[in-house]
């Protein structure tokens, strides 16, 4: 019975450690996605602005 309780305690500690690791993994994913979005807006922003200007100029 004592061994079963020790095994259950070890499982709880492992479960808590895995939850912490999962939180870190999600934080890294969110950071990576935000970085990709920021980079895309920065790179494509001037191109899209130029295209809108070229469309808007003939309409004036």
PDB file of N, CA and C in Angstrom:
ATOM      1  N   UNK A   1       0.825  -1.189   0.000  1.00  0.00           N
ATOM      2  CA  UNK A   1       0.000   0.000   0.000  1.00  0.00           C
ATOM      3  C   UNK A   1       0.874   1.260   0.000  1.00  0.00           C
ATOM      4  N   UNK A   2       1.950   1.191   0.757  1.00  0.00           N
ATOM      5  CA  UNK A   2       2.876   2.318   0.824  1.00  0.00           C
ATOM      6  C   UNK A   2       3.475   2.610  -0.552  1.00  0.00           C
ATOM      7  N   UNK A   3       3.813   1.560  -1.294  1.00  0.00           N
ATOM      8  CA  UNK A   3       4.392   1.737  -2.619  1.00  0.00           C
ATOM      9  C   UNK A   3       3.401   2.394  -3.573  1.00  0.00           C
ATOM     10  N   UNK A   4       2.136   2.048  -3.429  1.00  0.00           N
ATOM     11  CA  UNK A   4       1.101   2.635  -4.282  1.00  0.00           C
ATOM     12  C   UNK A   4       0.961   4.128  -4.006  1.00  0.00           C
ATOM     13  N   UNK A   5       1.037   4.515  -2.750  1.00  0.00           N
ATOM     14  CA  UNK A   5       0.939   5.927  -2.394  1.00  0.00           C
ATOM     15  C   UNK A   5       2.151   6.703  -2.921  1.00  0.00           C
ATOM     16  N   UNK A   6       3.332   6.106  -2.846  1.00  0.00           N
ATOM     17  CA  UNK A   6       4.525   6.760  -3.369  1.00  0.00           C
ATOM     18  C   UNK A   6       4.430   6.915  -4.889  1.00  0.00           C
ATOM     19  N   UNK A   7       3.903   5.898  -5.549  1.00  0.00           N
ATOM     20  CA  UNK A   7       3.729   5.968  -7.000  1.00  0.00           C
ATOM     21  C   UNK A   7       2.731   7.070  -7.374  1.00  0.00           C
ATOM     22  N   UNK A   8       1.645   7.177  -6.623  1.00  0.00           N
ATOM     23  CA  UNK A   8       0.651   8.221  -6.885  1.00  0.00           C
ATOM     24  C   UNK A   8       1.261   9.609  -6.665  1.00  0.00           C
ATOM     25  N   UNK A   9       2.079   9.762  -5.627  1.00  0.00           N
ATOM     26  CA  UNK A   9       2.729  11.034  -5.354  1.00  0.00           C
ATOM     27  C   UNK A   9       3.703  11.396  -6.475  1.00  0.00           C
ATOM     28  N   UNK A  10       4.447  10.424  -6.951  1.00  0.00           N
ATOM     29  CA  UNK A  10       5.385  10.665  -8.052  1.00  0.00           C
ATOM     30  C   UNK A  10       4.631  11.071  -9.319  1.00  0.00           C
ATOM     31  N   UNK A  11       3.493  10.433  -9.571  1.00  0.00           N
ATOM     32  CA  UNK A  11       2.694  10.775 -10.751  1.00  0.00           C
ATOM     33  C   UNK A  11       2.181  12.204 -10.660  1.00  0.00           C
ATOM     34  N   UNK A  12       1.752  12.632  -9.481  1.00  0.00           N
ATOM     35  CA  UNK A  12       1.265  14.001  -9.314  1.00  0.00           C
ATOM     36  C   UNK A  12       2.371  15.007  -9.573  1.00  0.00           C
ATOM     37  N   UNK A  13       3.568  14.728  -9.101  1.00  0.00           N
ATOM     38  CA  UNK A  13       4.686  15.645  -9.335  1.00  0.00           C
ATOM     39  C   UNK A  13       5.018  15.705 -10.821  1.00  0.00           C
ATOM     40  N   UNK A  14       5.005  14.561 -11.487  1.00  0.00           N
ATOM     41  CA  UNK A  14       5.286  14.524 -12.918  1.00  0.00           C
ATOM     42  C   UNK A  14       4.219  15.291 -13.677  1.00  0.00           C
ATOM     43  N   UNK A  15       2.967  15.140 -13.277  1.00  0.00           N
ATOM     44  CA  UNK A  15       1.865  15.829 -13.935  1.00  0.00           C
ATOM     45  C   UNK A  15       2.029  17.337 -13.805  1.00  0.00           C
ATOM     46  N   UNK A  16       2.401  17.816 -12.652  1.00  0.00           N
ATOM     47  CA  UNK A  16       2.606  19.250 -12.453  1.00  0.00           C
ATOM     48  C   UNK A  16       3.781  19.744 -13.290  1.00  0.00           C
ATOM     49  N   UNK A  17       4.846  18.964 -13.379  1.00  0.00           N
ATOM     50  CA  UNK A  17       5.987  19.361 -14.188  1.00  0.00           C
ATOM     51  C   UNK A  17       5.605  19.436 -15.670  1.00  0.00           C
ATOM     52  N   UNK A  18       4.799  18.506 -16.121  1.00  0.00           N
ATOM     53  CA  UNK A  18       4.380  18.502 -17.522  1.00  0.00           C
ATOM     54  C   UNK A  18       3.478  19.680 -17.830  1.00  0.00           C
ATOM     55  N   UNK A  19       2.654  20.084 -16.871  1.00  0.00           N
ATOM     56  CA  UNK A  19       1.801  21.254 -17.087  1.00  0.00           C
ATOM     57  C   UNK A  19       2.649  22.511 -17.222  1.00  0.00           C
ATOM     58  N   UNK A  20       3.690  22.611 -16.429  1.00  0.00           N
ATOM     59  CA  UNK A  20       4.583  23.757 -16.532  1.00  0.00           C
ATOM     60  C   UNK A  20       5.302  23.777 -17.865  1.00  0.00           C
ATOM     61  N   UNK A  21       5.722  22.613 -18.319  1.00  0.00           N
ATOM     62  CA  UNK A  21       6.400  22.523 -19.618  1.00  0.00           C
ATOM     63  C   UNK A  21       5.435  22.871 -20.742  1.00  0.00           C
ATOM     64  N   UNK A  22       4.199  22.442 -20.625  1.00  0.00           N
ATOM     65  CA  UNK A  22       3.202  22.751 -21.649  1.00  0.00           C
ATOM     66  C   UNK A  22       2.952  24.250 -21.707  1.00  0.00           C
ATOM     67  N   UNK A  23       2.903  24.896 -20.558  1.00  0.00           N
ATOM     68  CA  UNK A  23       2.704  26.342 -20.521  1.00  0.00           C
ATOM     69  C   UNK A  23       3.849  27.063 -21.216  1.00  0.00           C
ATOM     70  N   UNK A  24       5.053  26.619 -20.988  1.00  0.00           N
ATOM     71  CA  UNK A  24       6.215  27.225 -21.639  1.00  0.00           C
ATOM     72  C   UNK A  24       6.149  27.003 -23.146  1.00  0.00           C
ATOM     73  N   UNK A  25       5.754  25.809 -23.561  1.00  0.00           N
ATOM     74  CA  UNK A  25       5.647  25.520 -24.992  1.00  0.00           C
ATOM     75  C   UNK A  25       4.604  26.415 -25.653  1.00  0.00           C
ATOM     76  N   UNK A  26       3.451  26.598 -25.007  1.00  0.00           N
ATOM     77  CA  UNK A  26       2.430  27.474 -25.566  1.00  0.00           C
ATOM     78  C   UNK A  26       2.907  28.919 -25.622  1.00  0.00           C
ATOM     79  N   UNK A  27       3.623  29.354 -24.611  1.00  0.00           N
ATOM     80  CA  UNK A  27       4.154  30.723 -24.611  1.00  0.00           C
ATOM     81  C   UNK A  27       5.141  30.910 -25.757  1.00  0.00           C
ATOM     82  N   UNK A  28       5.980  29.915 -26.003  1.00  0.00           N
ATOM     83  CA  UNK A  28       6.920  30.002 -27.120  1.00  0.00           C
ATOM     84  C   UNK A  28       6.196  30.034 -28.464  1.00  0.00           C
ATOM     85  N   UNK A  29       5.144  29.231 -28.592  1.00  0.00           N
ATOM     86  CA  UNK A  29       4.368  29.224 -29.838  1.00  0.00           C
ATOM     87  C   UNK A  29       3.694  30.574 -30.081  1.00  0.00           C
ATOM     88  N   UNK A  30       3.108  31.141 -29.044  1.00  0.00           N
ATOM     89  CA  UNK A  30       2.444  32.436 -29.187  1.00  0.00           C
ATOM     90  C   UNK A  30       3.460  33.510 -29.569  1.00  0.00           C
ATOM     91  N   UNK A  31       4.631  33.460 -28.947  1.00  0.00           N
ATOM     92  CA  UNK A  31       5.685  34.419 -29.277  1.00  0.00           C
ATOM     93  C   UNK A  31       6.132  34.262 -30.724  1.00  0.00           C
ATOM     94  N   UNK A  32       6.309  33.032 -31.166  1.00  0.00           N
ATOM     95  CA  UNK A  32       6.723  32.786 -32.543  1.00  0.00           C
ATOM     96  C   UNK A  32       5.670  33.263 -33.539  1.00  0.00           C
ATOM     97  N   UNK A  33       4.403  32.999 -33.255  1.00  0.00           N
ATOM     98  CA  UNK A  33       3.320  33.442 -34.139  1.00  0.00           C
ATOM     99  C   UNK A  33       3.269  34.968 -34.196  1.00  0.00           C
ATOM    100  N   UNK A  34       3.421  35.621 -33.047  1.00  0.00           N
ATOM    101  CA  UNK A  34       3.410  37.084 -33.025  1.00  0.00           C
ATOM    102  C   UNK A  34       4.586  37.645 -33.818  1.00  0.00           C
ATOM    103  N   UNK A  35       5.739  37.021 -33.697  1.00  0.00           N
ATOM    104  CA  UNK A  35       6.918  37.476 -34.435  1.00  0.00           C
ATOM    105  C   UNK A  35       6.720  37.326 -35.943  1.00  0.00           C
ATOM    106  N   UNK A  36       6.139  36.212 -36.358  1.00  0.00           N
ATOM    107  CA  UNK A  36       5.864  35.991 -37.784  1.00  0.00           C
ATOM    108  C   UNK A  36       4.851  37.013 -38.303  1.00  0.00           C
ATOM    109  N   UNK A  37       3.809  37.275 -37.540  1.00  0.00           N
ATOM    110  CA  UNK A  37       2.809  38.263 -37.962  1.00  0.00           C
ATOM    111  C   UNK A  37       3.421  39.656 -38.056  1.00  0.00           C
ATOM    112  N   UNK A  38       4.207  40.037 -37.079  1.00  0.00           N
ATOM    113  CA  UNK A  38       4.852  41.352 -37.096  1.00  0.00           C
ATOM    114  C   UNK A  38       5.792  41.479 -38.291  1.00  0.00           C
ATOM    115  N   UNK A  39       6.543  40.431 -38.551  1.00  0.00           N
ATOM    116  CA  UNK A  39       7.464  40.454 -39.693  1.00  0.00           C
ATOM    117  C   UNK A  39       6.700  40.558 -41.010  1.00  0.00           C
ATOM    118  N   UNK A  40       5.614  39.814 -41.131  1.00  0.00           N
ATOM    119  CA  UNK A  40       4.826  39.848 -42.367  1.00  0.00           C
ATOM    120  C   UNK A  40       4.236  41.229 -42.600  1.00  0.00           C
ATOM    121  N   UNK A  41       3.721  41.848 -41.558  1.00  0.00           N
ATOM    122  CA  UNK A  41       3.145  43.188 -41.702  1.00  0.00           C
ATOM    123  C   UNK A  41       4.236  44.185 -42.061  1.00  0.00           C
ATOM    124  N   UNK A  42       5.390  44.046 -41.459  1.00  0.00           N
ATOM    125  CA  UNK A  42       6.495  44.960 -41.756  1.00  0.00           C
ATOM    126  C   UNK A  42       6.971  44.808 -43.193  1.00  0.00           C
ATOM    127  N   UNK A  43       7.120  43.580 -43.635  1.00  0.00           N
ATOM    128  CA  UNK A  43       7.626  43.329 -44.985  1.00  0.00           C
ATOM    129  C   UNK A  43       6.584  43.677 -46.048  1.00  0.00           C
ATOM    130  N   UNK A  44       5.351  43.266 -45.833  1.00  0.00           N
ATOM    131  CA  UNK A  44       4.308  43.472 -46.837  1.00  0.00           C
ATOM    132  C   UNK A  44       3.630  44.829 -46.735  1.00  0.00           C
ATOM    133  N   UNK A  45       3.831  45.521 -45.632  1.00  0.00           N
ATOM    134  CA  UNK A  45       3.134  46.792 -45.418  1.00  0.00           C
ATOM    135  C   UNK A  45       3.409  47.821 -46.486  1.00  0.00           C
ATOM    136  N   UNK A  46       4.652  48.023 -46.833  1.00  0.00           N
ATOM    137  CA  UNK A  46       4.979  49.039 -47.842  1.00  0.00           C
ATOM    138  C   UNK A  46       4.467  48.626 -49.217  1.00  0.00           C
ATOM    139  N   UNK A  47       4.507  47.354 -49.522  1.00  0.00           N
ATOM    140  CA  UNK A  47       4.018  46.870 -50.813  1.00  0.00           C
ATOM    141  C   UNK A  47       2.508  47.082 -50.937  1.00  0.00           C
ATOM    142  N   UNK A  48       1.788  46.768 -49.903  1.00  0.00           N
ATOM    143  CA  UNK A  48       0.329  46.937 -49.927  1.00  0.00           C
ATOM    144  C   UNK A  48      -0.019  48.420 -49.986  1.00  0.00           C
ATOM    145  N   UNK A  49       0.724  49.245 -49.263  1.00  0.00           N
ATOM    146  CA  UNK A  49       0.479  50.685 -49.293  1.00  0.00           C
ATOM    147  C   UNK A  49       0.704  51.239 -50.691  1.00  0.00           C
ATOM    148  N   UNK A  50       1.732  50.790 -51.364  1.00  0.00           N
ATOM    149  CA  UNK A  50       2.014  51.236 -52.736  1.00  0.00           C
ATOM    150  C   UNK A  50       0.890  50.822 -53.682  1.00  0.00           C
ATOM    151  N   UNK A  51       0.392  49.615 -53.525  1.00  0.00           N
ATOM    152  CA  UNK A  51      -0.690  49.145 -54.395  1.00  0.00           C
ATOM    153  C   UNK A  51      -1.969  49.946 -54.156  1.00  0.00           C
ATOM    154  N   UNK A  52      -2.295  50.228 -52.917  1.00  0.00           N
ATOM    155  CA  UNK A  52      -3.488  51.024 -52.628  1.00  0.00           C
ATOM    156  C   UNK A  52      -3.339  52.435 -53.191  1.00  0.00           C
ATOM    157  N   UNK A  53      -2.142  52.984 -53.091  1.00  0.00           N
ATOM    158  CA  UNK A  53      -1.911  54.323 -53.645  1.00  0.00           C
ATOM    159  C   UNK A  53      -2.064  54.321 -55.153  1.00  0.00           C
ATOM    160  N   UNK A  54      -1.553  53.283 -55.820  1.00  0.00           N
ATOM    161  CA  UNK A  54      -1.685  53.221 -57.280  1.00  0.00           C
ATOM    162  C   UNK A  54      -3.130  53.038 -57.719  1.00  0.00           C
ATOM    163  N   UNK A  55      -3.945  52.437 -56.894  1.00  0.00           N
ATOM    164  CA  UNK A  55      -5.375  52.297 -57.209  1.00  0.00           C
ATOM    165  C   UNK A  55      -6.105  53.599 -56.897  1.00  0.00           C
ATOM    166  N   UNK A  56      -5.712  54.257 -55.823  1.00  0.00           N
ATOM    167  CA  UNK A  56      -6.410  55.450 -55.377  1.00  0.00           C
ATOM    168  C   UNK A  56      -6.122  56.650 -56.273  1.00  0.00           C
ATOM    169  N   UNK A  57      -4.936  56.771 -56.804  1.00  0.00           N
ATOM    170  CA  UNK A  57      -4.555  57.934 -57.623  1.00  0.00           C
ATOM    171  C   UNK A  57      -5.447  58.109 -58.860  1.00  0.00           C
ATOM    172  N   UNK A  58      -5.726  57.064 -59.623  1.00  0.00           N
ATOM    173  CA  UNK A  58      -6.617  57.278 -60.792  1.00  0.00           C
ATOM    174  C   UNK A  58      -8.048  57.614 -60.417  1.00  0.00           C
ATOM    175  N   UNK A  59      -8.460  57.279 -59.200  1.00  0.00           N
ATOM    176  CA  UNK A  59      -9.841  57.543 -58.792  1.00  0.00           C
ATOM    177  C   UNK A  59     -10.057  58.997 -58.405  1.00  0.00           C
ATOM    178  N   UNK A  60      -9.005  59.756 -58.230  1.00  0.00           N
ATOM    179  CA  UNK A  60      -9.149  61.167 -57.834  1.00  0.00           C
ATOM    180  C   UNK A  60      -9.506  62.048 -58.986  1.00  0.00           C
TER     181      UNK A  60
END
